């Protein structure tokens, strides 16, 4: 995707790809409400990857509030999943790059195979 993972994008995913099993939106800005839609509406989802995402509490026009960790309501929803991939560490180089790039990582600026480092195995070609 290009741009933040917002409510509109999550709703489109749920409407047109309801049987999606693996979803990777890592290194993007994602709104908490969009993540809720993904976890609630994609009933077949087994492995979401939100590693290195900037998780935002409220969508615009509200002031942006960046969450430092995933809250209990989200973690509760992920219990049913086969795997939930996430990283929001201040010491993580990829998380730092995502923040420095404003929530839309510029892959072309980094090493050639950098994008493969912690991708879902079925997506890492």
N, C-alpha and C. Protein backbone atom coordinates (compact mmCIF):
# COMPACT_ATOMS: atom_id res chain seq x y z
N UNK A 1 0.84 -1.18 0.00
CA UNK A 1 0.00 0.00 0.00
C UNK A 1 0.88 1.24 0.00
N UNK A 2 0.32 2.30 -0.47
CA UNK A 2 1.03 3.57 -0.46
C UNK A 2 0.18 4.54 0.36
N UNK A 3 0.71 4.96 1.46
CA UNK A 3 -0.02 5.82 2.37
C UNK A 3 -0.37 5.06 3.63
N UNK A 4 -1.03 5.74 4.56
CA UNK A 4 -1.33 5.09 5.84
C UNK A 4 -2.40 4.00 5.67
N UNK A 5 -2.35 3.04 6.57
CA UNK A 5 -3.40 2.02 6.62
C UNK A 5 -4.51 2.61 7.47
N UNK A 6 -5.49 3.18 6.80
CA UNK A 6 -6.55 3.89 7.51
C UNK A 6 -7.84 3.07 7.51
N UNK A 7 -8.89 3.64 8.05
CA UNK A 7 -10.18 2.96 8.17
C UNK A 7 -10.73 2.61 6.79
N UNK A 8 -10.59 3.51 5.85
CA UNK A 8 -11.07 3.26 4.49
C UNK A 8 -10.36 2.06 3.88
N UNK A 9 -9.04 2.02 3.96
CA UNK A 9 -8.27 0.91 3.40
C UNK A 9 -8.65 -0.41 4.07
N UNK A 10 -8.75 -0.40 5.39
CA UNK A 10 -9.10 -1.62 6.13
C UNK A 10 -10.50 -2.10 5.75
N UNK A 11 -11.43 -1.18 5.56
CA UNK A 11 -12.79 -1.55 5.16
C UNK A 11 -12.82 -2.15 3.76
N UNK A 12 -12.01 -1.61 2.86
CA UNK A 12 -11.91 -2.15 1.49
C UNK A 12 -11.34 -3.57 1.54
N UNK A 13 -10.30 -3.77 2.34
CA UNK A 13 -9.74 -5.12 2.50
C UNK A 13 -10.82 -6.10 2.97
N UNK A 14 -11.55 -5.71 3.99
CA UNK A 14 -12.57 -6.58 4.56
C UNK A 14 -13.69 -6.87 3.56
N UNK A 15 -14.05 -5.88 2.77
CA UNK A 15 -15.14 -6.05 1.81
C UNK A 15 -14.74 -6.90 0.60
N UNK A 16 -13.52 -6.69 0.09
CA UNK A 16 -13.14 -7.33 -1.16
C UNK A 16 -12.19 -8.51 -1.01
N UNK A 17 -11.56 -8.66 0.14
CA UNK A 17 -10.66 -9.80 0.38
C UNK A 17 -10.99 -10.47 1.71
N UNK A 18 -12.24 -10.89 1.89
CA UNK A 18 -12.66 -11.42 3.19
C UNK A 18 -11.97 -12.72 3.58
N UNK A 19 -11.41 -13.44 2.62
CA UNK A 19 -10.76 -14.72 2.91
C UNK A 19 -9.24 -14.62 3.01
N UNK A 20 -8.74 -13.40 3.11
CA UNK A 20 -7.31 -13.18 3.21
C UNK A 20 -6.75 -13.89 4.44
N UNK A 21 -5.66 -14.62 4.25
CA UNK A 21 -5.06 -15.38 5.36
C UNK A 21 -3.79 -14.72 5.90
N UNK A 22 -3.03 -14.06 5.02
CA UNK A 22 -1.78 -13.42 5.41
C UNK A 22 -1.82 -11.96 4.95
N UNK A 23 -1.48 -11.05 5.84
CA UNK A 23 -1.48 -9.63 5.51
C UNK A 23 -0.26 -8.98 6.13
N UNK A 24 0.52 -8.30 5.30
CA UNK A 24 1.68 -7.58 5.80
C UNK A 24 1.54 -6.10 5.47
N UNK A 25 1.45 -5.30 6.51
CA UNK A 25 1.41 -3.84 6.36
C UNK A 25 2.54 -3.23 7.18
N UNK A 26 3.64 -3.96 7.27
CA UNK A 26 4.74 -3.50 8.12
C UNK A 26 5.38 -2.24 7.56
N UNK A 27 5.97 -1.49 8.45
CA UNK A 27 6.69 -0.25 8.11
C UNK A 27 5.76 0.82 7.55
N UNK A 28 4.54 0.86 8.01
CA UNK A 28 3.58 1.88 7.60
C UNK A 28 2.98 2.52 8.84
N UNK A 29 2.27 3.59 8.59
CA UNK A 29 1.46 4.19 9.63
C UNK A 29 0.12 3.45 9.59
N UNK A 30 -0.35 2.99 10.75
CA UNK A 30 -1.63 2.28 10.81
C UNK A 30 -2.44 2.85 11.96
N UNK A 31 -3.69 3.13 11.67
CA UNK A 31 -4.58 3.65 12.70
C UNK A 31 -5.15 2.49 13.51
N UNK A 32 -5.26 2.70 14.81
CA UNK A 32 -5.75 1.64 15.70
C UNK A 32 -7.12 1.14 15.24
N UNK A 33 -7.99 2.05 14.85
CA UNK A 33 -9.32 1.64 14.40
C UNK A 33 -9.24 0.80 13.13
N UNK A 34 -8.29 1.09 12.25
CA UNK A 34 -8.09 0.27 11.05
C UNK A 34 -7.63 -1.13 11.43
N UNK A 35 -6.73 -1.21 12.40
CA UNK A 35 -6.27 -2.51 12.87
C UNK A 35 -7.43 -3.29 13.49
N UNK A 36 -8.30 -2.61 14.21
CA UNK A 36 -9.48 -3.26 14.77
C UNK A 36 -10.37 -3.83 13.67
N UNK A 37 -10.58 -3.08 12.61
CA UNK A 37 -11.39 -3.56 11.48
C UNK A 37 -10.75 -4.80 10.87
N UNK A 38 -9.45 -4.75 10.66
CA UNK A 38 -8.73 -5.89 10.09
C UNK A 38 -8.89 -7.13 10.97
N UNK A 39 -8.69 -6.97 12.26
CA UNK A 39 -8.77 -8.11 13.17
C UNK A 39 -10.20 -8.62 13.37
N UNK A 40 -11.18 -7.72 13.30
CA UNK A 40 -12.58 -8.11 13.51
C UNK A 40 -13.23 -8.67 12.24
N UNK A 41 -12.93 -8.06 11.11
CA UNK A 41 -13.67 -8.38 9.88
C UNK A 41 -13.02 -9.44 9.00
N UNK A 42 -11.72 -9.56 9.04
CA UNK A 42 -11.05 -10.59 8.22
C UNK A 42 -11.04 -11.89 9.01
N UNK A 43 -12.14 -12.61 8.93
CA UNK A 43 -12.37 -13.81 9.75
C UNK A 43 -11.39 -14.93 9.46
N UNK A 44 -10.83 -14.99 8.25
CA UNK A 44 -9.91 -16.06 7.86
C UNK A 44 -8.45 -15.69 8.13
N UNK A 45 -8.20 -14.47 8.57
CA UNK A 45 -6.83 -14.00 8.78
C UNK A 45 -6.10 -14.87 9.80
N UNK A 46 -4.92 -15.34 9.42
CA UNK A 46 -4.11 -16.18 10.29
C UNK A 46 -2.82 -15.49 10.74
N UNK A 47 -2.22 -14.70 9.82
CA UNK A 47 -0.92 -14.11 10.11
C UNK A 47 -0.87 -12.65 9.64
N UNK A 48 -1.19 -11.71 10.52
CA UNK A 48 -0.95 -10.31 10.18
C UNK A 48 0.45 -9.88 10.63
N UNK A 49 1.10 -9.08 9.81
CA UNK A 49 2.42 -8.55 10.14
C UNK A 49 2.32 -7.03 10.21
N UNK A 50 2.39 -6.49 11.41
CA UNK A 50 2.40 -5.03 11.57
C UNK A 50 3.73 -4.58 12.18
N UNK A 51 4.76 -5.36 11.95
CA UNK A 51 6.08 -5.01 12.48
C UNK A 51 6.52 -3.64 12.00
N UNK A 52 7.11 -2.89 12.90
CA UNK A 52 7.72 -1.59 12.62
C UNK A 52 6.71 -0.53 12.19
N UNK A 53 5.42 -0.77 12.47
CA UNK A 53 4.40 0.22 12.13
C UNK A 53 4.36 1.32 13.18
N UNK A 54 3.91 2.46 12.75
CA UNK A 54 3.59 3.54 13.67
C UNK A 54 2.09 3.42 13.92
N UNK A 55 1.73 3.03 15.13
CA UNK A 55 0.33 2.82 15.49
C UNK A 55 -0.24 4.11 16.05
N UNK A 56 -1.28 4.62 15.40
CA UNK A 56 -1.88 5.91 15.74
C UNK A 56 -3.23 5.69 16.42
N UNK A 57 -3.46 6.39 17.52
CA UNK A 57 -4.70 6.26 18.29
C UNK A 57 -5.91 6.79 17.53
N UNK A 58 -5.86 8.01 17.03
CA UNK A 58 -7.03 8.63 16.40
C UNK A 58 -6.74 9.03 14.96
N UNK A 59 -7.69 8.78 14.06
CA UNK A 59 -7.50 9.25 12.69
C UNK A 59 -7.72 10.77 12.60
N UNK A 60 -7.26 11.39 11.50
CA UNK A 60 -7.47 12.82 11.32
C UNK A 60 -8.96 13.12 11.35
N UNK A 61 -9.37 14.29 11.72
CA UNK A 61 -8.60 15.49 12.00
C UNK A 61 -8.13 15.60 13.45
N UNK A 62 -8.37 14.59 14.26
CA UNK A 62 -7.91 14.62 15.65
C UNK A 62 -6.39 14.72 15.71
N UNK A 63 -5.86 15.27 16.80
CA UNK A 63 -4.40 15.29 16.94
C UNK A 63 -3.85 13.86 16.95
N UNK A 64 -2.73 13.69 16.31
CA UNK A 64 -2.13 12.36 16.20
C UNK A 64 -1.48 11.96 17.51
N UNK A 65 -1.86 10.78 18.00
CA UNK A 65 -1.27 10.24 19.23
C UNK A 65 -0.66 8.89 18.89
N UNK A 66 0.65 8.82 18.94
CA UNK A 66 1.37 7.59 18.61
C UNK A 66 1.40 6.68 19.84
N UNK A 67 0.98 5.44 19.65
CA UNK A 67 1.01 4.46 20.73
C UNK A 67 2.39 3.82 20.78
N UNK A 68 2.91 3.66 21.97
CA UNK A 68 4.24 3.06 22.15
C UNK A 68 4.18 1.54 22.25
N UNK A 69 3.00 1.02 22.53
CA UNK A 69 2.83 -0.43 22.60
C UNK A 69 1.39 -0.77 22.23
N UNK A 70 1.18 -2.02 21.91
CA UNK A 70 -0.15 -2.49 21.53
C UNK A 70 -0.96 -2.71 22.80
N UNK A 71 -2.17 -2.16 22.81
CA UNK A 71 -2.96 -2.25 24.03
C UNK A 71 -3.65 -3.61 24.18
N UNK A 72 -4.24 -3.81 25.34
CA UNK A 72 -4.83 -5.11 25.68
C UNK A 72 -5.99 -5.49 24.77
N UNK A 73 -6.77 -4.51 24.32
CA UNK A 73 -7.91 -4.83 23.46
C UNK A 73 -7.45 -5.45 22.14
N UNK A 74 -6.36 -4.94 21.59
CA UNK A 74 -5.80 -5.50 20.35
C UNK A 74 -5.19 -6.87 20.65
N UNK A 75 -4.41 -6.97 21.70
CA UNK A 75 -3.77 -8.24 22.04
C UNK A 75 -4.80 -9.34 22.28
N UNK A 76 -5.92 -8.97 22.86
CA UNK A 76 -6.99 -9.95 23.09
C UNK A 76 -7.50 -10.52 21.75
N UNK A 77 -7.64 -9.65 20.76
CA UNK A 77 -8.13 -10.09 19.45
C UNK A 77 -7.11 -10.96 18.72
N UNK A 78 -5.85 -10.81 19.03
CA UNK A 78 -4.81 -11.56 18.32
C UNK A 78 -4.63 -12.98 18.87
N UNK A 79 -5.27 -13.29 19.97
CA UNK A 79 -5.13 -14.63 20.56
C UNK A 79 -5.62 -15.73 19.62
N UNK A 80 -6.60 -15.42 18.80
CA UNK A 80 -7.17 -16.42 17.89
C UNK A 80 -6.29 -16.67 16.66
N UNK A 81 -5.31 -15.84 16.44
CA UNK A 81 -4.47 -15.93 15.25
C UNK A 81 -3.39 -17.00 15.40
N UNK A 82 -2.97 -17.53 14.27
CA UNK A 82 -1.87 -18.49 14.29
C UNK A 82 -0.58 -17.80 14.71
N UNK A 83 -0.38 -16.58 14.18
CA UNK A 83 0.82 -15.81 14.49
C UNK A 83 0.49 -14.32 14.32
N UNK A 84 1.06 -13.50 15.19
CA UNK A 84 0.89 -12.05 15.10
C UNK A 84 2.27 -11.43 15.17
N UNK A 85 2.72 -10.86 14.07
CA UNK A 85 4.07 -10.30 14.00
C UNK A 85 4.03 -8.80 14.26
N UNK A 86 4.83 -8.39 15.24
CA UNK A 86 4.87 -6.98 15.59
C UNK A 86 6.22 -6.61 16.20
N UNK A 87 6.60 -5.37 16.03
CA UNK A 87 7.79 -4.81 16.67
C UNK A 87 7.56 -3.30 16.73
N UNK A 88 7.70 -2.74 17.91
CA UNK A 88 7.54 -1.29 18.09
C UNK A 88 8.65 -0.77 19.00
N UNK A 89 9.83 -1.31 18.83
CA UNK A 89 10.94 -1.00 19.73
C UNK A 89 11.70 0.25 19.30
N UNK A 90 11.99 1.10 20.26
CA UNK A 90 12.78 2.30 19.98
C UNK A 90 14.20 1.95 19.54
N UNK A 91 14.69 0.80 19.96
CA UNK A 91 16.06 0.40 19.61
C UNK A 91 16.15 -0.35 18.28
N UNK A 92 15.02 -0.66 17.67
CA UNK A 92 14.99 -1.40 16.40
C UNK A 92 15.31 -0.45 15.24
N UNK A 93 16.29 -0.82 14.43
CA UNK A 93 16.70 0.00 13.29
C UNK A 93 15.55 0.21 12.30
N UNK A 94 14.78 -0.84 12.03
CA UNK A 94 13.68 -0.72 11.07
C UNK A 94 12.59 0.19 11.62
N UNK A 95 12.28 0.08 12.90
CA UNK A 95 11.30 0.99 13.52
C UNK A 95 11.79 2.44 13.43
N UNK A 96 13.07 2.65 13.67
CA UNK A 96 13.65 3.99 13.57
C UNK A 96 13.52 4.52 12.15
N UNK A 97 13.81 3.68 11.17
CA UNK A 97 13.71 4.10 9.77
C UNK A 97 12.27 4.45 9.40
N UNK A 98 11.32 3.66 9.88
CA UNK A 98 9.91 3.95 9.60
C UNK A 98 9.53 5.30 10.19
N UNK A 99 9.93 5.56 11.43
CA UNK A 99 9.63 6.86 12.06
C UNK A 99 10.31 8.00 11.31
N UNK A 100 11.58 7.81 10.95
CA UNK A 100 12.32 8.86 10.24
C UNK A 100 11.71 9.15 8.87
N UNK A 101 11.11 8.13 8.26
CA UNK A 101 10.48 8.30 6.95
C UNK A 101 9.01 8.71 7.06
N UNK A 102 8.56 9.04 8.25
CA UNK A 102 7.21 9.56 8.45
C UNK A 102 6.09 8.53 8.33
N UNK A 103 6.39 7.27 8.59
CA UNK A 103 5.36 6.24 8.54
C UNK A 103 5.14 5.62 7.18
N UNK A 104 6.00 5.93 6.26
CA UNK A 104 5.96 5.33 4.92
C UNK A 104 7.40 5.11 4.50
N UNK A 105 7.92 3.95 4.86
CA UNK A 105 9.35 3.69 4.68
C UNK A 105 9.74 3.80 3.21
N UNK A 106 10.86 4.41 2.96
CA UNK A 106 11.39 4.60 1.61
C UNK A 106 12.37 3.47 1.34
N UNK A 107 11.86 2.34 0.86
CA UNK A 107 12.67 1.13 0.67
C UNK A 107 13.89 1.38 -0.21
N UNK A 108 13.75 2.24 -1.20
CA UNK A 108 14.84 2.49 -2.15
C UNK A 108 16.08 3.10 -1.48
N UNK A 109 15.93 3.66 -0.28
CA UNK A 109 17.06 4.29 0.40
C UNK A 109 17.95 3.28 1.12
N UNK A 110 17.47 2.03 1.24
CA UNK A 110 18.15 1.06 2.09
C UNK A 110 18.69 -0.12 1.29
N UNK A 111 19.28 -1.05 1.99
CA UNK A 111 19.91 -2.21 1.37
C UNK A 111 18.92 -2.95 0.47
N UNK A 112 19.44 -3.60 -0.58
CA UNK A 112 18.60 -4.23 -1.59
C UNK A 112 17.59 -5.23 -1.02
N UNK A 113 18.01 -6.09 -0.14
CA UNK A 113 17.11 -7.12 0.40
C UNK A 113 16.61 -6.79 1.80
N UNK A 114 16.72 -5.54 2.18
CA UNK A 114 16.31 -5.10 3.51
C UNK A 114 14.85 -5.44 3.79
N UNK A 115 13.99 -5.30 2.79
CA UNK A 115 12.57 -5.53 2.97
C UNK A 115 12.25 -6.97 3.36
N UNK A 116 13.14 -7.91 3.06
CA UNK A 116 12.88 -9.33 3.33
C UNK A 116 13.20 -9.74 4.77
N UNK A 117 13.90 -8.90 5.51
CA UNK A 117 14.46 -9.30 6.80
C UNK A 117 13.48 -9.96 7.76
N UNK A 118 12.33 -9.41 7.95
CA UNK A 118 11.39 -10.01 8.90
C UNK A 118 9.98 -10.10 8.31
N UNK A 119 9.94 -10.37 7.03
CA UNK A 119 8.66 -10.52 6.35
C UNK A 119 8.09 -11.89 6.66
N UNK A 120 6.79 -12.02 6.52
CA UNK A 120 6.12 -13.31 6.65
C UNK A 120 6.77 -14.25 5.64
N UNK A 121 7.14 -15.43 6.09
CA UNK A 121 7.90 -16.36 5.25
C UNK A 121 7.24 -16.63 3.90
N UNK A 122 5.93 -16.76 3.87
CA UNK A 122 5.24 -17.05 2.61
C UNK A 122 5.29 -15.87 1.63
N UNK A 123 5.62 -14.66 2.12
CA UNK A 123 5.69 -13.49 1.25
C UNK A 123 7.12 -13.13 0.86
N UNK A 124 8.10 -13.62 1.60
CA UNK A 124 9.50 -13.30 1.32
C UNK A 124 10.00 -14.18 0.19
N UNK A 125 10.04 -13.64 -0.97
CA UNK A 125 10.42 -14.38 -2.18
C UNK A 125 11.90 -14.71 -2.16
